[in-house]
Amino acid sequence: MDSQSVISNLENLLSQGRESALLRFSLGSEYLKLGITWVAVIHLKRALELDPNYSAAWKLLGMAFAEAGILHGALDTYRRGVEVAQRRGDQQAVKEMTVFARRLEKKLSS
């Protein structure tokens, strides 16, 4: 199934009132795949409003900001995501977001 079909199905679920952090995360992920970063950001921010401890949503939101060229926003998002992931014991997410944050720090300091 292509991203457009997936988005259509997910948007249909959303319109039926089935909002959840996972649904918003999934929409954000699919829009990001299509390069529609602003819509991805909106859905990922909403996912985090629904579940502020969603490590994967923090990571994907950081990626969306980075793709949109909002590097300071991406760096802040990764840092906040690392804090959440550390509290949850999600070591893989900690490692990934730490690497992404370091790369952005280098890019911003050059």
N, C-alpha and C. Protein backbone atom coordinates (compact mmCIF):
# COMPACT_ATOMS: atom_id res chain seq x y z
N MET A 1 0.84 -1.18 0.00
CA MET A 1 0.00 0.00 0.00
C MET A 1 0.89 1.24 0.00
N ASP A 2 0.59 2.19 -0.86
CA ASP A 2 1.41 3.41 -0.94
C ASP A 2 1.01 4.39 0.16
N SER A 3 1.86 5.38 0.37
CA SER A 3 1.66 6.35 1.46
C SER A 3 0.33 7.09 1.33
N GLN A 4 -0.06 7.42 0.11
CA GLN A 4 -1.33 8.15 -0.07
C GLN A 4 -2.51 7.31 0.41
N SER A 5 -2.50 6.03 0.11
CA SER A 5 -3.58 5.14 0.55
C SER A 5 -3.58 4.99 2.06
N VAL A 6 -2.39 4.85 2.63
CA VAL A 6 -2.27 4.74 4.08
C VAL A 6 -2.80 6.01 4.73
N ILE A 7 -2.38 7.16 4.21
CA ILE A 7 -2.84 8.45 4.76
C ILE A 7 -4.36 8.55 4.68
N SER A 8 -4.92 8.16 3.56
CA SER A 8 -6.37 8.22 3.38
C SER A 8 -7.07 7.38 4.45
N ASN A 9 -6.58 6.18 4.67
CA ASN A 9 -7.17 5.29 5.69
C ASN A 9 -7.02 5.88 7.09
N LEU A 10 -5.84 6.41 7.39
CA LEU A 10 -5.59 6.99 8.71
C LEU A 10 -6.43 8.25 8.93
N GLU A 11 -6.52 9.10 7.91
CA GLU A 11 -7.33 10.31 8.02
C GLU A 11 -8.80 9.95 8.23
N ASN A 12 -9.23 8.86 7.60
CA ASN A 12 -10.60 8.38 7.78
C ASN A 12 -10.84 7.98 9.24
N LEU A 13 -9.89 7.26 9.82
CA LEU A 13 -10.01 6.89 11.23
C LEU A 13 -10.06 8.13 12.12
N LEU A 14 -9.23 9.11 11.80
CA LEU A 14 -9.21 10.35 12.57
C LEU A 14 -10.55 11.07 12.48
N SER A 15 -11.12 11.09 11.28
CA SER A 15 -12.41 11.78 11.10
C SER A 15 -13.55 11.06 11.82
N GLN A 16 -13.35 9.79 12.14
CA GLN A 16 -14.35 9.02 12.90
C GLN A 16 -14.17 9.20 14.41
N GLY A 17 -13.21 10.06 14.79
CA GLY A 17 -13.01 10.34 16.20
C GLY A 17 -12.12 9.34 16.92
N ARG A 18 -11.35 8.60 16.18
CA ARG A 18 -10.48 7.58 16.78
C ARG A 18 -9.06 8.11 17.04
N GLU A 19 -8.98 9.33 17.47
CA GLU A 19 -7.68 9.94 17.70
C GLU A 19 -6.91 9.22 18.79
N SER A 20 -5.62 9.02 18.52
CA SER A 20 -4.71 8.43 19.50
C SER A 20 -3.30 8.89 19.15
N ALA A 21 -2.40 8.73 20.10
CA ALA A 21 -1.01 9.09 19.83
C ALA A 21 -0.45 8.25 18.69
N LEU A 22 -0.78 6.96 18.67
CA LEU A 22 -0.29 6.08 17.61
C LEU A 22 -0.83 6.51 16.24
N LEU A 23 -2.10 6.86 16.18
CA LEU A 23 -2.67 7.30 14.91
C LEU A 23 -1.99 8.58 14.42
N ARG A 24 -1.80 9.53 15.32
CA ARG A 24 -1.13 10.78 14.94
C ARG A 24 0.33 10.53 14.54
N PHE A 25 1.01 9.65 15.28
CA PHE A 25 2.38 9.28 14.94
C PHE A 25 2.42 8.68 13.53
N SER A 26 1.50 7.78 13.26
CA SER A 26 1.47 7.11 11.95
C SER A 26 1.22 8.11 10.83
N LEU A 27 0.30 9.05 11.05
CA LEU A 27 0.07 10.09 10.05
C LEU A 27 1.32 10.94 9.85
N GLY A 28 1.96 11.33 10.94
CA GLY A 28 3.18 12.12 10.83
C GLY A 28 4.24 11.39 10.04
N SER A 29 4.38 10.12 10.31
CA SER A 29 5.37 9.29 9.62
C SER A 29 5.10 9.23 8.11
N GLU A 30 3.86 9.02 7.75
CA GLU A 30 3.51 8.91 6.33
C GLU A 30 3.68 10.25 5.60
N TYR A 31 3.27 11.34 6.25
CA TYR A 31 3.47 12.65 5.61
C TYR A 31 4.96 12.97 5.47
N LEU A 32 5.74 12.56 6.46
CA LEU A 32 7.18 12.80 6.38
C LEU A 32 7.80 12.01 5.22
N LYS A 33 7.33 10.79 5.00
CA LYS A 33 7.81 9.98 3.86
C LYS A 33 7.57 10.70 2.54
N LEU A 34 6.47 11.44 2.47
CA LEU A 34 6.12 12.17 1.25
C LEU A 34 6.80 13.53 1.17
N GLY A 35 7.51 13.90 2.23
CA GLY A 35 8.19 15.20 2.25
C GLY A 35 7.28 16.36 2.59
N ILE A 36 6.11 16.06 3.13
CA ILE A 36 5.16 17.10 3.53
C ILE A 36 5.41 17.36 5.02
N THR A 37 6.51 18.06 5.27
CA THR A 37 7.03 18.15 6.64
C THR A 37 6.12 18.92 7.59
N TRP A 38 5.48 20.00 7.12
CA TRP A 38 4.66 20.80 8.04
C TRP A 38 3.47 20.02 8.54
N VAL A 39 2.86 19.24 7.67
CA VAL A 39 1.73 18.42 8.11
C VAL A 39 2.23 17.33 9.06
N ALA A 40 3.40 16.79 8.76
CA ALA A 40 4.01 15.79 9.65
C ALA A 40 4.24 16.40 11.04
N VAL A 41 4.78 17.61 11.08
CA VAL A 41 5.03 18.28 12.35
C VAL A 41 3.74 18.44 13.15
N ILE A 42 2.69 18.85 12.51
CA ILE A 42 1.40 19.05 13.19
C ILE A 42 0.93 17.74 13.83
N HIS A 43 0.97 16.66 13.08
CA HIS A 43 0.51 15.37 13.61
C HIS A 43 1.43 14.86 14.72
N LEU A 44 2.72 15.04 14.56
CA LEU A 44 3.66 14.55 15.58
C LEU A 44 3.55 15.37 16.87
N LYS A 45 3.35 16.67 16.73
CA LYS A 45 3.13 17.49 17.94
C LYS A 45 1.87 17.05 18.66
N ARG A 46 0.84 16.74 17.92
CA ARG A 46 -0.41 16.27 18.53
C ARG A 46 -0.20 14.91 19.20
N ALA A 47 0.57 14.04 18.58
CA ALA A 47 0.88 12.75 19.20
C ALA A 47 1.53 12.95 20.56
N LEU A 48 2.42 13.94 20.64
CA LEU A 48 3.12 14.21 21.89
C LEU A 48 2.22 14.91 22.91
N GLU A 49 1.23 15.65 22.44
CA GLU A 49 0.25 16.20 23.38
C GLU A 49 -0.55 15.07 24.02
N LEU A 50 -0.88 14.06 23.22
CA LEU A 50 -1.65 12.92 23.70
C LEU A 50 -0.81 11.99 24.56
N ASP A 51 0.48 11.86 24.24
CA ASP A 51 1.38 11.00 25.01
C ASP A 51 2.78 11.61 25.02
N PRO A 52 3.07 12.44 26.02
CA PRO A 52 4.38 13.11 26.07
C PRO A 52 5.56 12.16 26.29
N ASN A 53 5.29 10.91 26.59
CA ASN A 53 6.35 9.93 26.82
C ASN A 53 6.61 9.03 25.61
N TYR A 54 6.13 9.42 24.44
CA TYR A 54 6.25 8.63 23.22
C TYR A 54 7.61 8.91 22.56
N SER A 55 8.60 8.13 22.93
CA SER A 55 9.98 8.35 22.47
C SER A 55 10.09 8.43 20.95
N ALA A 56 9.44 7.51 20.26
CA ALA A 56 9.53 7.48 18.80
C ALA A 56 8.96 8.75 18.18
N ALA A 57 7.94 9.32 18.79
CA ALA A 57 7.36 10.56 18.27
C ALA A 57 8.32 11.73 18.45
N TRP A 58 9.05 11.75 19.57
CA TRP A 58 10.07 12.79 19.75
C TRP A 58 11.12 12.69 18.65
N LYS A 59 11.57 11.47 18.39
CA LYS A 59 12.61 11.27 17.37
C LYS A 59 12.11 11.71 15.99
N LEU A 60 10.91 11.29 15.64
CA LEU A 60 10.39 11.62 14.32
C LEU A 60 10.10 13.12 14.19
N LEU A 61 9.65 13.75 15.27
CA LEU A 61 9.42 15.20 15.23
C LEU A 61 10.75 15.92 15.01
N GLY A 62 11.81 15.47 15.66
CA GLY A 62 13.13 16.05 15.43
C GLY A 62 13.54 15.92 13.97
N MET A 63 13.29 14.76 13.40
CA MET A 63 13.62 14.54 11.99
C MET A 63 12.81 15.46 11.08
N ALA A 64 11.53 15.63 11.41
CA ALA A 64 10.67 16.50 10.59
C ALA A 64 11.17 17.95 10.64
N PHE A 65 11.52 18.42 11.85
CA PHE A 65 12.06 19.77 11.97
C PHE A 65 13.36 19.90 11.16
N ALA A 66 14.22 18.91 11.26
CA ALA A 66 15.50 18.95 10.54
C ALA A 66 15.25 19.01 9.03
N GLU A 67 14.32 18.19 8.55
CA GLU A 67 14.01 18.19 7.11
C GLU A 67 13.42 19.52 6.67
N ALA A 68 12.70 20.18 7.58
CA ALA A 68 12.10 21.48 7.25
C ALA A 68 13.13 22.61 7.37
N GLY A 69 14.34 22.27 7.82
CA GLY A 69 15.38 23.29 7.96
C GLY A 69 15.32 24.06 9.27
N ILE A 70 14.53 23.58 10.20
CA ILE A 70 14.40 24.23 11.51
C ILE A 70 15.34 23.50 12.46
N LEU A 71 16.62 23.79 12.31
CA LEU A 71 17.65 23.01 12.99
C LEU A 71 17.65 23.21 14.50
N HIS A 72 17.43 24.43 14.96
CA HIS A 72 17.40 24.65 16.41
C HIS A 72 16.19 23.95 17.03
N GLY A 73 15.07 23.96 16.32
CA GLY A 73 13.88 23.25 16.78
C GLY A 73 14.12 21.76 16.83
N ALA A 74 14.83 21.24 15.83
CA ALA A 74 15.15 19.82 15.80
C ALA A 74 16.06 19.45 16.97
N LEU A 75 17.08 20.28 17.21
CA LEU A 75 18.01 20.02 18.30
C LEU A 75 17.29 20.02 19.64
N ASP A 76 16.44 21.01 19.87
CA ASP A 76 15.67 21.08 21.11
C ASP A 76 14.77 19.85 21.26
N THR A 77 14.15 19.44 20.18
CA THR A 77 13.26 18.28 20.20
C THR A 77 14.04 17.01 20.54
N TYR A 78 15.20 16.83 19.92
CA TYR A 78 16.01 15.65 20.24
C TYR A 78 16.44 15.65 21.71
N ARG A 79 16.83 16.81 22.21
CA ARG A 79 17.26 16.88 23.61
C ARG A 79 16.12 16.52 24.56
N ARG A 80 14.94 17.06 24.27
CA ARG A 80 13.77 16.73 25.11
C ARG A 80 13.42 15.25 24.96
N GLY A 81 13.54 14.73 23.75
CA GLY A 81 13.26 13.32 23.51
C GLY A 81 14.22 12.41 24.25
N VAL A 82 15.49 12.80 24.32
CA VAL A 82 16.48 12.01 25.07
C VAL A 82 16.08 11.94 26.54
N GLU A 83 15.66 13.07 27.10
CA GLU A 83 15.23 13.08 28.51
C GLU A 83 14.07 12.11 28.74
N VAL A 84 13.10 12.15 27.84
CA VAL A 84 11.94 11.25 27.95
C VAL A 84 12.37 9.80 27.83
N ALA A 85 13.18 9.52 26.82
CA ALA A 85 13.63 8.15 26.59
C ALA A 85 14.46 7.63 27.77
N GLN A 86 15.28 8.49 28.36
CA GLN A 86 16.07 8.07 29.53
C GLN A 86 15.16 7.70 30.69
N ARG A 87 14.14 8.51 30.94
CA ARG A 87 13.19 8.22 32.02
C ARG A 87 12.48 6.90 31.80
N ARG A 88 12.21 6.59 30.53
CA ARG A 88 11.49 5.36 30.19
C ARG A 88 12.40 4.15 30.07
N GLY A 89 13.70 4.38 30.07
CA GLY A 89 14.64 3.28 29.89
C GLY A 89 14.74 2.79 28.45
N ASP A 90 14.37 3.66 27.50
CA ASP A 90 14.41 3.33 26.08
C ASP A 90 15.79 3.68 25.53
N GLN A 91 16.74 2.79 25.77
CA GLN A 91 18.14 3.07 25.45
C GLN A 91 18.41 3.25 23.96
N GLN A 92 17.71 2.51 23.12
CA GLN A 92 17.92 2.65 21.68
C GLN A 92 17.53 4.05 21.21
N ALA A 93 16.41 4.54 21.70
CA ALA A 93 15.97 5.90 21.33
C ALA A 93 16.95 6.94 21.87
N VAL A 94 17.47 6.71 23.07
CA VAL A 94 18.47 7.63 23.64
C VAL A 94 19.68 7.70 22.73
N LYS A 95 20.18 6.54 22.31
CA LYS A 95 21.36 6.49 21.45
C LYS A 95 21.11 7.21 20.12
N GLU A 96 19.99 6.90 19.48
CA GLU A 96 19.71 7.49 18.17
C GLU A 96 19.57 9.01 18.25
N MET A 97 18.76 9.47 19.20
CA MET A 97 18.54 10.92 19.29
C MET A 97 19.80 11.65 19.73
N THR A 98 20.64 11.01 20.54
CA THR A 98 21.90 11.63 20.95
C THR A 98 22.81 11.81 19.73
N VAL A 99 22.86 10.81 18.88
CA VAL A 99 23.67 10.91 17.65
C VAL A 99 23.14 12.02 16.75
N PHE A 100 21.82 12.07 16.56
CA PHE A 100 21.23 13.10 15.72
C PHE A 100 21.50 14.49 16.30
N ALA A 101 21.38 14.62 17.62
CA ALA A 101 21.62 15.91 18.27
C ALA A 101 23.07 16.35 18.10
N ARG A 102 24.01 15.42 18.26
CA ARG A 102 25.44 15.77 18.09
C ARG A 102 25.73 16.24 16.67
N ARG A 103 25.14 15.57 15.71
CA ARG A 103 25.34 15.98 14.31
C ARG A 103 24.82 17.40 14.09
N LEU A 104 23.67 17.69 14.66
CA LEU A 104 23.10 19.04 14.51
C LEU A 104 23.95 20.08 15.23
N GLU A 105 24.44 19.73 16.42
CA GLU A 105 25.31 20.67 17.15
C GLU A 105 26.53 21.02 16.33
N LYS A 106 27.14 20.02 15.70
CA LYS A 106 28.32 20.27 14.84
C LYS A 106 27.94 21.16 13.66
N LYS A 107 26.80 20.84 13.05
CA LYS A 107 26.36 21.62 11.89
C LYS A 107 26.08 23.07 12.28
N LEU A 108 25.46 23.28 13.43
CA LEU A 108 25.11 24.63 13.86
C LEU A 108 26.32 25.43 14.32
N SER A 109 27.37 24.74 14.77
CA SER A 109 28.55 25.46 15.26
C SER A 109 29.56 25.75 14.16
N SER A 110 29.35 25.21 12.98
CA SER A 110 30.32 25.45 11.91
C SER A 110 29.97 26.65 11.06
